[in-house]
Amino acid sequence: MARALPPLVFGLLAAAPFLGLGEGWAMTLLARGMIMGVAALSLWLPVGGAGLVSLGHAAMLGIGAYAVVVLDDARVTEALVVAPVAIAAAALFALATGAVAIRTAGVQFIMITLAFGQMAFFTAASLSGYGGDDGYTLYGRSTVAGARWMQDRLGFHYLCLGLLAAVFLGIRMLLASRFGRVLRAARENPLRVEAVGLSPYPYRLVAYTIAGGIAGLAGFLLANATEFVAPSFLAWQRSGDLLFMVILGGLGSPFGAVLGALVILALEEGLGHLTPHWRIVFGPLLVLSVLYLRGGLVGLLGARRG
């Protein structure tokens, strides 16, 4: 069942517009879920793949979104230009900050990434030319080769789905490579990796930089989905949300990040319709899931199969 889960979920997402979920609010929710799935996958790579727990990962997401803002203000809306710039900007931030943070481990790494994330957050809040604390409303969604098909909900839905599937498969291929095997070995026992003549540091730095680029892609998509960008995109609370998605889904498989993102957004939407105080219910549910779903949702499904 665990192996059949990714194609099943991706198939349901592909068929969703034709299964009674073609309404505007449902399509918007699904697109947001898939975008947060891309962002959660970007965090799963350093956390699940390298054992690096970050509380500043939303900074890369926000930098990708603000790259869209800067180019939109300059009237550059071509996605074939904007998306690579967003990815490159977030990856460069990850490379620069990771070069320092990855020299530490454990609580020190968490605190350093949190500090870098808050620095990026306050920098975004100080950008008065781009709305400051109030945020920035885009003139419109990015175009693709001059065409405005990203304005179409169905087209945007399948764009998000295609990129989510591509990122998921790319991370799986990365983990199956020699690079991925060294990365996972360094997560389990870095001393043994060093004993065979390999330094974990460059592998972790490359993985962290790749994760930053993927987060930048998610930021590009999120900015286009909401057509609004604010400093809250970079806040540490959003990093916490992404971390919850990764943990809830399960650290044993990258698909856990996708599943965790979809489930958390569905819970938020469902509980929000039931009560305005939905966070009082949502918080204990997350605590219980961390306590009793040790392998996450993916682990639970695998255990049921056994």
Protein backbone atom coordinates (compact mmCIF):
# COMPACT_ATOMS: atom_id res chain seq x y z
CA MET A 1 0.00 0.00 0.00
CA ALA A 2 2.84 2.39 0.85
CA ARG A 3 4.37 1.96 -2.63
CA ALA A 4 1.01 2.44 -4.32
CA LEU A 5 0.29 5.61 -2.33
CA PRO A 6 2.25 8.16 -4.44
CA PRO A 7 0.74 7.18 -7.82
CA LEU A 8 -2.70 6.95 -6.17
CA VAL A 9 -2.50 10.44 -4.65
CA PHE A 10 -1.01 12.00 -7.79
CA GLY A 11 -3.71 10.30 -9.85
CA LEU A 12 -6.44 11.69 -7.58
CA LEU A 13 -4.94 15.17 -7.83
CA ALA A 14 -4.88 14.88 -11.62
CA ALA A 15 -8.52 13.74 -11.70
CA ALA A 16 -9.74 16.15 -8.99
CA PRO A 17 -11.04 18.86 -11.39
CA PHE A 18 -13.31 16.21 -12.97
CA LEU A 19 -14.45 14.64 -9.68
CA GLY A 20 -16.58 17.51 -8.43
CA LEU A 21 -13.66 19.67 -7.25
CA GLY A 22 -13.65 22.01 -10.22
CA GLU A 23 -15.13 24.90 -8.25
CA GLY A 24 -13.01 27.98 -7.68
CA TRP A 25 -12.44 27.53 -3.93
CA ALA A 26 -11.59 23.85 -4.28
CA MET A 27 -9.12 24.45 -7.11
CA THR A 28 -7.48 27.25 -5.10
CA LEU A 29 -7.17 24.97 -2.06
CA LEU A 30 -5.70 22.12 -4.11
CA ALA A 31 -3.19 24.44 -5.78
CA ARG A 32 -2.13 25.78 -2.39
CA GLY A 33 -1.82 22.24 -1.07
CA MET A 34 0.44 21.21 -3.95
CA ILE A 35 2.56 24.35 -3.61
CA MET A 36 3.04 23.70 0.10
CA GLY A 37 3.85 20.11 -0.87
CA VAL A 38 6.75 21.43 -2.98
CA ALA A 39 7.86 23.61 -0.05
CA ALA A 40 7.60 20.68 2.39
CA LEU A 41 9.65 18.49 0.03
CA SER A 42 12.32 21.19 -0.02
CA LEU A 43 12.51 20.96 3.79
CA TRP A 44 12.33 17.15 3.82
CA LEU A 45 15.60 16.95 1.85
CA PRO A 46 17.79 18.48 4.61
CA VAL A 47 15.69 17.07 7.47
CA GLY A 48 14.93 13.55 6.27
CA GLY A 49 17.86 13.18 3.91
CA ALA A 50 20.64 14.83 5.89
CA GLY A 51 19.31 15.10 9.44
CA LEU A 52 19.47 18.93 9.45
CA VAL A 53 16.42 20.38 11.20
CA SER A 54 15.92 23.99 10.14
CA LEU A 55 13.64 26.63 11.63
CA GLY A 56 14.51 29.24 9.01
CA HIS A 57 13.49 27.39 5.87
CA ALA A 58 10.62 29.76 5.13
CA ALA A 59 13.22 32.41 4.35
CA MET A 60 14.03 30.61 1.08
CA LEU A 61 10.31 30.35 0.29
CA GLY A 62 9.88 34.07 0.93
CA ILE A 63 12.97 35.02 -1.07
CA GLY A 64 11.56 33.15 -4.05
CA ALA A 65 8.28 35.04 -3.63
CA TYR A 66 10.03 38.41 -3.26
CA ALA A 67 12.02 37.72 -6.43
CA VAL A 68 8.64 37.67 -8.18
CA VAL A 69 7.77 40.98 -6.46
CA VAL A 70 10.98 42.74 -7.53
CA LEU A 71 10.61 41.64 -11.14
CA ASP A 72 6.88 42.42 -11.15
CA ASP A 73 7.65 45.96 -9.97
CA ALA A 74 10.10 46.21 -12.88
CA ARG A 75 7.31 44.93 -15.18
CA VAL A 76 9.09 41.64 -15.85
CA THR A 77 6.43 38.95 -15.71
CA GLU A 78 7.76 36.23 -18.02
CA ALA A 79 7.78 32.98 -16.01
CA LEU A 80 10.73 31.63 -18.00
CA VAL A 81 12.72 34.52 -16.53
CA VAL A 82 11.03 34.98 -13.14
CA ALA A 83 11.09 31.33 -12.04
CA PRO A 84 14.86 30.80 -12.63
CA VAL A 85 15.61 34.08 -10.83
CA ALA A 86 13.45 33.02 -7.86
CA ILE A 87 15.15 29.61 -7.71
CA ALA A 88 18.65 31.11 -8.04
CA ALA A 89 18.03 33.80 -5.39
CA ALA A 90 16.77 31.27 -2.83
CA ALA A 91 19.57 28.82 -3.66
CA LEU A 92 22.23 31.53 -3.22
CA PHE A 93 20.76 32.46 0.16
CA ALA A 94 20.80 28.80 1.17
CA LEU A 95 24.40 28.44 -0.02
CA ALA A 96 25.61 31.54 1.85
CA THR A 97 23.81 30.76 5.11
CA GLY A 98 24.36 27.02 4.88
CA ALA A 99 28.10 27.48 4.54
CA VAL A 100 28.01 28.83 8.11
CA ALA A 101 25.13 26.88 9.64
CA ILE A 102 26.18 23.40 8.47
CA ARG A 103 29.42 23.71 10.42
CA THR A 104 27.22 23.23 13.49
CA ALA A 105 24.72 20.54 14.41
CA GLY A 106 21.72 19.88 16.61
CA VAL A 107 20.31 22.81 18.58
CA GLN A 108 23.06 25.13 17.32
CA PHE A 109 22.02 24.48 13.71
CA ILE A 110 18.35 25.08 14.57
CA MET A 111 19.14 28.40 16.28
CA ILE A 112 21.46 29.64 13.53
CA THR A 113 18.91 28.89 10.79
CA LEU A 114 16.25 30.58 12.90
CA ALA A 115 18.47 33.65 13.23
CA PHE A 116 19.14 33.80 9.48
CA GLY A 117 15.44 33.35 8.80
CA GLN A 118 14.50 36.22 11.11
CA MET A 119 17.14 38.43 9.51
CA ALA A 120 15.51 37.78 6.14
CA PHE A 121 12.06 38.41 7.64
CA PHE A 122 12.99 41.82 9.09
CA THR A 123 14.78 42.75 5.86
CA ALA A 124 11.60 42.03 3.88
CA ALA A 125 9.54 44.04 6.38
CA SER A 126 11.86 47.02 5.88
CA LEU A 127 11.43 47.10 2.08
CA SER A 128 9.10 50.08 1.96
CA GLY A 129 9.37 50.20 -1.82
CA TYR A 130 7.67 46.80 -1.95
CA GLY A 131 4.98 47.42 0.64
CA GLY A 132 6.95 46.86 3.83
CA ASP A 133 4.80 45.24 6.54
CA ASP A 134 1.67 45.69 4.41
CA GLY A 135 2.95 43.46 1.61
CA TYR A 136 2.82 43.85 -2.15
CA THR A 137 -0.01 43.05 -4.54
CA LEU A 138 1.14 41.75 -7.93
CA TYR A 139 -0.10 43.37 -11.10
CA GLY A 140 -1.01 39.89 -12.31
CA ARG A 141 0.25 36.35 -12.59
CA SER A 142 3.35 35.56 -14.60
CA THR A 143 3.02 34.87 -18.29
CA VAL A 144 4.53 31.89 -20.12
CA ALA A 145 6.08 32.80 -23.47
CA GLY A 146 3.77 35.81 -23.46
CA ALA A 147 0.61 33.74 -22.90
CA ARG A 148 -1.54 34.20 -19.79
CA TRP A 149 -2.58 30.58 -19.31
CA MET A 150 -1.42 30.69 -15.65
CA GLN A 151 -4.49 32.84 -15.07
CA ASP A 152 -6.59 29.79 -15.89
CA ARG A 153 -7.32 27.76 -12.75
CA LEU A 154 -7.14 24.44 -14.56
CA GLY A 155 -3.85 25.28 -16.26
CA PHE A 156 -2.35 26.50 -12.98
CA HIS A 157 -3.57 23.34 -11.23
CA TYR A 158 -1.74 21.08 -13.65
CA LEU A 159 1.36 23.28 -13.58
CA CYS A 160 1.54 22.88 -9.78
CA LEU A 161 0.87 19.15 -10.07
CA GLY A 162 3.54 18.66 -12.72
CA LEU A 163 6.16 20.57 -10.73
CA LEU A 164 5.22 18.72 -7.53
CA ALA A 165 5.64 15.35 -9.26
CA ALA A 166 8.91 16.46 -10.87
CA VAL A 167 10.38 17.63 -7.55
CA PHE A 168 9.25 14.41 -5.82
CA LEU A 169 10.80 12.19 -8.49
CA GLY A 170 13.93 14.32 -8.58
CA ILE A 171 14.48 13.94 -4.83
CA ARG A 172 13.91 10.18 -5.05
CA MET A 173 16.49 9.93 -7.84
CA LEU A 174 18.90 12.07 -5.85
CA LEU A 175 18.57 9.81 -2.80
CA ALA A 176 19.12 6.70 -4.93
CA SER A 177 22.37 8.12 -6.36
CA ARG A 178 25.83 7.85 -4.83
CA PHE A 179 25.39 11.40 -3.56
CA GLY A 180 22.19 10.42 -1.77
CA ARG A 181 23.74 7.32 -0.22
CA VAL A 182 26.61 9.37 1.21
CA LEU A 183 24.14 11.97 2.46
CA ARG A 184 22.04 9.37 4.29
CA ALA A 185 25.14 7.65 5.66
CA ALA A 186 26.33 10.99 7.05
CA ARG A 187 22.95 11.44 8.70
CA GLU A 188 23.27 8.08 10.46
CA ASN A 189 26.96 8.22 11.41
CA PRO A 190 29.15 11.08 10.15
CA LEU A 191 32.25 9.68 11.85
CA ARG A 192 32.12 6.50 9.80
CA VAL A 193 31.73 8.53 6.62
CA GLU A 194 34.82 10.51 7.51
CA ALA A 195 36.64 7.25 8.31
CA VAL A 196 36.22 6.07 4.71
CA GLY A 197 37.70 9.34 3.41
CA LEU A 198 34.55 11.39 2.68
CA SER A 199 33.69 14.71 4.28
CA PRO A 200 29.94 15.11 5.04
CA TYR A 201 30.15 18.93 4.88
CA PRO A 202 30.13 19.46 1.07
CA TYR A 203 27.38 16.86 0.59
CA ARG A 204 25.21 18.54 3.19
CA LEU A 205 25.90 21.98 1.76
CA VAL A 206 24.94 20.91 -1.76
CA ALA A 207 21.76 19.26 -0.44
CA TYR A 208 20.89 22.39 1.54
CA THR A 209 21.46 24.57 -1.53
CA ILE A 210 19.26 22.31 -3.67
CA ALA A 211 16.59 22.48 -0.97
CA GLY A 212 16.80 26.27 -1.05
CA GLY A 213 16.29 26.31 -4.82
CA ILE A 214 13.22 24.07 -4.52
CA ALA A 215 11.83 26.36 -1.82
CA GLY A 216 12.39 29.29 -4.19
CA LEU A 217 10.33 27.48 -6.82
CA ALA A 218 7.56 27.04 -4.24
CA GLY A 219 7.80 30.76 -3.46
CA PHE A 220 7.39 31.61 -7.14
CA LEU A 221 4.26 29.44 -7.32
CA LEU A 222 2.84 30.77 -4.04
CA ALA A 223 3.29 34.39 -5.12
CA ASN A 224 1.40 33.66 -8.34
CA ALA A 225 -1.31 31.69 -6.53
CA THR A 226 -2.07 34.45 -4.02
CA GLU A 227 -1.01 37.39 -6.25
CA PHE A 228 0.17 38.93 -2.98
CA VAL A 229 3.45 38.69 -1.07
CA ALA A 230 4.09 39.81 2.52
CA PRO A 231 6.92 39.43 5.06
CA SER A 232 4.82 36.75 6.79
CA PHE A 233 5.95 34.42 4.00
CA LEU A 234 9.38 34.42 5.69
CA ALA A 235 8.24 34.21 9.32
CA TRP A 236 9.53 31.43 11.55
CA GLN A 237 5.94 30.32 12.14
CA ARG A 238 5.73 29.29 8.50
CA SER A 239 8.97 27.35 8.94
CA GLY A 240 7.26 25.61 11.86
CA ASP A 241 4.26 24.80 9.66
CA LEU A 242 6.55 23.22 7.06
CA LEU A 243 8.33 21.22 9.75
CA PHE A 244 5.00 19.94 11.05
CA MET A 245 4.07 18.85 7.53
CA VAL A 246 7.32 16.90 7.20
CA ILE A 247 6.98 15.26 10.63
CA LEU A 248 3.29 14.43 10.25
CA GLY A 249 3.84 12.83 6.85
CA GLY A 250 6.88 10.88 8.00
CA LEU A 251 10.64 11.31 7.74
CA GLY A 252 11.16 7.90 6.18
CA SER A 253 9.98 8.88 2.71
CA PRO A 254 9.90 12.13 0.71
CA PHE A 255 6.27 11.42 -0.12
CA GLY A 256 5.52 11.94 3.56
CA ALA A 257 6.14 15.66 3.06
CA VAL A 258 3.58 15.78 0.24
CA LEU A 259 1.02 13.83 2.24
CA GLY A 260 1.62 15.92 5.36
CA ALA A 261 1.11 19.18 3.45
CA LEU A 262 -2.15 18.00 1.89
CA VAL A 263 -3.53 16.61 5.16
CA ILE A 264 -2.66 19.69 7.24
CA LEU A 265 -4.22 22.07 4.73
CA ALA A 266 -7.32 19.87 4.54
CA LEU A 267 -7.57 19.85 8.35
CA GLU A 268 -7.16 23.62 8.50
CA GLU A 269 -9.91 24.12 5.92
CA GLY A 270 -12.27 21.57 7.47
CA LEU A 271 -11.86 22.73 11.06
CA GLY A 272 -12.06 26.38 9.97
CA HIS A 273 -15.55 25.71 8.59
CA LEU A 274 -16.64 24.08 11.86
CA THR A 275 -15.44 26.66 14.36
CA PRO A 276 -13.63 30.02 14.38
CA HIS A 277 -11.48 28.62 17.20
CA TRP A 278 -10.21 25.75 15.08
CA ARG A 279 -6.61 26.17 16.25
CA ILE A 280 -7.65 24.98 19.74
CA VAL A 281 -8.56 21.64 18.12
CA PHE A 282 -5.78 21.65 15.55
CA GLY A 283 -2.93 22.08 18.05
CA PRO A 284 -3.71 18.98 20.18
CA LEU A 285 -4.18 16.91 17.01
CA LEU A 286 -0.64 17.79 15.92
CA VAL A 287 0.75 16.96 19.37
CA LEU A 288 -1.02 13.58 19.37
CA SER A 289 0.25 12.81 15.87
CA VAL A 290 3.85 13.51 16.92
CA LEU A 291 3.46 11.33 20.02
CA TYR A 292 1.73 8.34 18.47
CA LEU A 293 2.54 8.41 14.74
CA ARG A 294 6.27 7.82 15.11
CA GLY A 295 6.65 6.91 11.44
CA GLY A 296 4.17 9.56 10.31
CA LEU A 297 1.22 8.94 8.03
CA VAL A 298 3.35 7.01 5.54
CA GLY A 299 4.63 4.79 8.34
CA LEU A 300 1.09 4.20 9.59
CA LEU A 301 -0.07 3.07 6.16
CA GLY A 302 2.95 0.80 5.82
CA ALA A 303 2.26 -0.73 9.25
CA ARG A 304 -1.37 -1.37 8.35
CA ARG A 305 -0.26 -3.15 5.22
CA GLY A 306 2.01 -5.37 7.36
